[in-house]
Amino acid sequence: MRIKRIVTISVFLLFLLSVAVFMAFGPQIRAALSPEIRYAYPMYQDADGQMLNTLPTSAVWTGENGGTYVWKVSRSDEFPEPTFVVNAAPIGVESEQDDTVLFGYGSISASDAVAIEWEAELKEGKCVRPRR
């Protein structure tokens, strides 16, 4: 009976310790486990008298429905500390030149950060570590 009580108390104390550690180091743990991405901002380029946004071709991916998307990087206050998350943003590709994609105005603007390289699979709302 005494051993059962000691085991129960030990398990409870271990649980409390793990909660305390996660609360103290949770943001650092989440940042360390989040995939790292590189990001850039769309730039304007004149294409046949029309100003279009440009991004590297590595930023554009095709969705399951055949549409073209980019990963928009934004700050989120969903967690206890401010973090960066990615969300899919549809774009309309006008043309490709070399390693650059030209697209018209859509769901992103020149002030929106866009992921151009990532090391792991990204999903809607996924926490990331951005570097420029």
C-alpha atoms as a PDB file:
ATOM      1  CA  MET A   1       0.000   0.000   0.000  1.00  0.00           C
ATOM      2  CA  ARG A   2       2.810   2.390   0.887  1.00  0.00           C
ATOM      3  CA  ILE A   3       4.651   1.670  -2.397  1.00  0.00           C
ATOM      4  CA  LYS A   4       1.496   2.411  -4.397  1.00  0.00           C
ATOM      5  CA  ARG A   5       1.157   5.780  -2.648  1.00  0.00           C
ATOM      6  CA  ILE A   6       4.827   6.632  -3.301  1.00  0.00           C
ATOM      7  CA  VAL A   7       4.464   5.726  -6.988  1.00  0.00           C
ATOM      8  CA  THR A   8       1.278   7.794  -7.291  1.00  0.00           C
ATOM      9  CA  ILE A   9       2.871  10.836  -5.660  1.00  0.00           C
ATOM     10  CA  SER A  10       6.012  10.426  -7.792  1.00  0.00           C
ATOM     11  CA  VAL A  11       4.000  10.283 -11.011  1.00  0.00           C
ATOM     12  CA  PHE A  12       2.005  13.353  -9.973  1.00  0.00           C
ATOM     13  CA  LEU A  13       5.175  15.303  -9.129  1.00  0.00           C
ATOM     14  CA  LEU A  14       6.746  14.275 -12.432  1.00  0.00           C
ATOM     15  CA  PHE A  15       3.642  15.529 -14.219  1.00  0.00           C
ATOM     16  CA  LEU A  16       3.815  18.881 -12.394  1.00  0.00           C
ATOM     17  CA  LEU A  17       7.509  19.179 -13.217  1.00  0.00           C
ATOM     18  CA  SER A  18       6.896  18.503 -16.922  1.00  0.00           C
ATOM     19  CA  VAL A  19       4.118  21.123 -17.016  1.00  0.00           C
ATOM     20  CA  ALA A  20       6.412  23.664 -15.345  1.00  0.00           C
ATOM     21  CA  VAL A  21       9.236  22.922 -17.797  1.00  0.00           C
ATOM     22  CA  PHE A  22       6.926  23.232 -20.791  1.00  0.00           C
ATOM     23  CA  MET A  23       5.486  26.527 -19.531  1.00  0.00           C
ATOM     24  CA  ALA A  24       8.985  27.916 -18.982  1.00  0.00           C
ATOM     25  CA  PHE A  25      10.578  26.606 -22.180  1.00  0.00           C
ATOM     26  CA  GLY A  26       7.550  26.037 -24.460  1.00  0.00           C
ATOM     27  CA  PRO A  27       8.256  28.911 -26.863  1.00  0.00           C
ATOM     28  CA  GLN A  28      11.880  27.843 -27.322  1.00  0.00           C
ATOM     29  CA  ILE A  29      10.842  24.211 -27.805  1.00  0.00           C
ATOM     30  CA  ARG A  30       8.201  25.158 -30.389  1.00  0.00           C
ATOM     31  CA  ALA A  31      10.682  27.401 -32.228  1.00  0.00           C
ATOM     32  CA  ALA A  32      13.328  24.689 -32.256  1.00  0.00           C
ATOM     33  CA  LEU A  33      10.873  22.122 -33.656  1.00  0.00           C
ATOM     34  CA  SER A  34       9.350  24.440 -36.280  1.00  0.00           C
ATOM     35  CA  PRO A  35      10.643  24.177 -39.849  1.00  0.00           C
ATOM     36  CA  GLU A  36      12.900  26.974 -41.036  1.00  0.00           C
ATOM     37  CA  ILE A  37      11.902  28.974 -44.097  1.00  0.00           C
ATOM     38  CA  ARG A  38      13.391  31.788 -46.138  1.00  0.00           C
ATOM     39  CA  TYR A  39      11.070  34.569 -47.137  1.00  0.00           C
ATOM     40  CA  ALA A  40      10.987  37.558 -49.457  1.00  0.00           C
ATOM     41  CA  TYR A  41       8.615  40.335 -50.416  1.00  0.00           C
ATOM     42  CA  PRO A  42       7.080  40.562 -53.905  1.00  0.00           C
ATOM     43  CA  MET A  43       8.711  43.162 -56.128  1.00  0.00           C
ATOM     44  CA  TYR A  44       7.181  45.104 -58.998  1.00  0.00           C
ATOM     45  CA  GLN A  45       8.309  44.635 -62.569  1.00  0.00           C
ATOM     46  CA  ASP A  46       7.105  46.252 -65.769  1.00  0.00           C
ATOM     47  CA  ALA A  47       5.777  43.655 -68.206  1.00  0.00           C
ATOM     48  CA  ASP A  48       4.488  45.112 -71.474  1.00  0.00           C
ATOM     49  CA  GLY A  49       3.436  48.358 -69.801  1.00  0.00           C
ATOM     50  CA  GLN A  50       1.734  46.581 -66.923  1.00  0.00           C
ATOM     51  CA  MET A  51       3.164  46.552 -63.403  1.00  0.00           C
ATOM     52  CA  LEU A  52       3.161  42.987 -62.052  1.00  0.00           C
ATOM     53  CA  ASN A  53       4.411  41.428 -58.833  1.00  0.00           C
ATOM     54  CA  THR A  54       7.395  39.090 -59.104  1.00  0.00           C
ATOM     55  CA  LEU A  55       8.635  36.231 -56.944  1.00  0.00           C
ATOM     56  CA  PRO A  56      11.141  33.427 -57.459  1.00  0.00           C
ATOM     57  CA  THR A  57       9.613  30.313 -59.028  1.00  0.00           C
ATOM     58  CA  SER A  58      10.533  28.373 -55.877  1.00  0.00           C
ATOM     59  CA  ALA A  59       7.820  30.309 -53.993  1.00  0.00           C
ATOM     60  CA  VAL A  60       4.955  29.078 -56.184  1.00  0.00           C
ATOM     61  CA  TRP A  61       3.343  25.663 -55.779  1.00  0.00           C
ATOM     62  CA  THR A  62       0.333  23.936 -57.291  1.00  0.00           C
ATOM     63  CA  GLY A  63      -2.541  22.862 -55.061  1.00  0.00           C
ATOM     64  CA  GLU A  64      -4.637  19.713 -55.310  1.00  0.00           C
ATOM     65  CA  ASN A  65      -7.283  21.618 -57.266  1.00  0.00           C
ATOM     66  CA  GLY A  66      -4.718  22.775 -59.859  1.00  0.00           C
ATOM     67  CA  GLY A  67      -4.561  26.383 -58.618  1.00  0.00           C
ATOM     68  CA  THR A  68      -1.291  28.200 -57.986  1.00  0.00           C
ATOM     69  CA  TYR A  69      -0.440  29.301 -54.462  1.00  0.00           C
ATOM     70  CA  VAL A  70       2.291  30.827 -52.315  1.00  0.00           C
ATOM     71  CA  TRP A  71       2.852  30.514 -48.557  1.00  0.00           C
ATOM     72  CA  LYS A  72       2.101  33.872 -46.939  1.00  0.00           C
ATOM     73  CA  VAL A  73       4.140  34.352 -43.744  1.00  0.00           C
ATOM     74  CA  SER A  74       2.461  36.324 -40.962  1.00  0.00           C
ATOM     75  CA  ARG A  75       2.627  36.863 -37.219  1.00  0.00           C
ATOM     76  CA  SER A  76       0.113  35.104 -35.021  1.00  0.00           C
ATOM     77  CA  ASP A  77      -0.830  35.681 -31.393  1.00  0.00           C
ATOM     78  CA  GLU A  78      -2.626  32.335 -31.171  1.00  0.00           C
ATOM     79  CA  PHE A  79       0.056  30.921 -28.881  1.00  0.00           C
ATOM     80  CA  PRO A  80       1.204  32.495 -25.597  1.00  0.00           C
ATOM     81  CA  GLU A  81       4.071  34.188 -27.445  1.00  0.00           C
ATOM     82  CA  PRO A  82       4.032  35.826 -30.880  1.00  0.00           C
ATOM     83  CA  THR A  83       4.934  33.291 -33.555  1.00  0.00           C
ATOM     84  CA  PHE A  84       5.138  33.144 -37.332  1.00  0.00           C
ATOM     85  CA  VAL A  85       2.705  30.970 -39.276  1.00  0.00           C
ATOM     86  CA  VAL A  86       2.148  30.217 -42.965  1.00  0.00           C
ATOM     87  CA  ASN A  87      -1.145  30.317 -44.831  1.00  0.00           C
ATOM     88  CA  ALA A  88      -1.805  29.410 -48.450  1.00  0.00           C
ATOM     89  CA  ALA A  89      -2.589  32.411 -50.645  1.00  0.00           C
ATOM     90  CA  PRO A  90      -3.866  31.912 -54.215  1.00  0.00           C
ATOM     91  CA  ILE A  91      -2.195  33.898 -56.982  1.00  0.00           C
ATOM     92  CA  GLY A  92      -2.853  34.251 -60.680  1.00  0.00           C
ATOM     93  CA  VAL A  93       0.378  33.599 -62.589  1.00  0.00           C
ATOM     94  CA  GLU A  94       0.652  35.769 -65.695  1.00  0.00           C
ATOM     95  CA  SER A  95       3.963  34.407 -67.003  1.00  0.00           C
ATOM     96  CA  GLU A  96       7.370  33.017 -66.075  1.00  0.00           C
ATOM     97  CA  GLN A  97      10.696  34.591 -67.018  1.00  0.00           C
ATOM     98  CA  ASP A  98      13.915  32.758 -66.141  1.00  0.00           C
ATOM     99  CA  ASP A  99      13.578  31.941 -62.418  1.00  0.00           C
ATOM    100  CA  THR A 100      10.896  34.563 -61.816  1.00  0.00           C
ATOM    101  CA  VAL A 101       7.111  34.319 -61.782  1.00  0.00           C
ATOM    102  CA  LEU A 102       5.044  37.343 -62.749  1.00  0.00           C
ATOM    103  CA  PHE A 103       1.601  37.536 -61.189  1.00  0.00           C
ATOM    104  CA  GLY A 104      -1.167  40.108 -60.951  1.00  0.00           C
ATOM    105  CA  TYR A 105      -2.751  41.469 -57.863  1.00  0.00           C
ATOM    106  CA  GLY A 106      -4.440  38.804 -55.811  1.00  0.00           C
ATOM    107  CA  SER A 107      -4.545  37.789 -52.217  1.00  0.00           C
ATOM    108  CA  ILE A 108      -1.034  39.083 -51.471  1.00  0.00           C
ATOM    109  CA  SER A 109       0.519  42.499 -51.882  1.00  0.00           C
ATOM    110  CA  ALA A 110       4.023  43.953 -51.911  1.00  0.00           C
ATOM    111  CA  SER A 111       3.961  44.284 -48.111  1.00  0.00           C
ATOM    112  CA  ASP A 112       3.276  40.565 -47.504  1.00  0.00           C
ATOM    113  CA  ALA A 113       6.170  38.232 -46.721  1.00  0.00           C
ATOM    114  CA  VAL A 114       6.156  35.066 -48.848  1.00  0.00           C
ATOM    115  CA  ALA A 115       8.064  31.842 -48.196  1.00  0.00           C
ATOM    116  CA  ILE A 116      10.554  31.207 -51.009  1.00  0.00           C
ATOM    117  CA  GLU A 117      12.398  28.184 -49.547  1.00  0.00           C
ATOM    118  CA  TRP A 118      11.350  25.650 -46.939  1.00  0.00           C
ATOM    119  CA  GLU A 119      12.901  22.459 -45.655  1.00  0.00           C
ATOM    120  CA  ALA A 120       9.827  20.511 -44.537  1.00  0.00           C
ATOM    121  CA  GLU A 121       6.239  20.063 -45.636  1.00  0.00           C
ATOM    122  CA  LEU A 122       4.189  23.144 -44.828  1.00  0.00           C
ATOM    123  CA  LYS A 123       0.521  23.095 -43.897  1.00  0.00           C
ATOM    124  CA  GLU A 124      -2.098  25.765 -43.365  1.00  0.00           C
ATOM    125  CA  GLY A 125      -1.448  27.571 -40.058  1.00  0.00           C
ATOM    126  CA  LYS A 126       1.860  25.783 -39.386  1.00  0.00           C
ATOM    127  CA  CYS A 127       4.322  27.515 -37.053  1.00  0.00           C
ATOM    128  CA  VAL A 128       7.635  28.363 -38.797  1.00  0.00           C
ATOM    129  CA  ARG A 129      11.030  29.961 -38.089  1.00  0.00           C
ATOM    130  CA  PRO A 130      11.596  32.619 -40.738  1.00  0.00           C
ATOM    131  CA  ARG A 131      14.961  33.907 -41.888  1.00  0.00           C
ATOM    132  CA  ARG A 132      15.499  36.377 -44.652  1.00  0.00           C
END
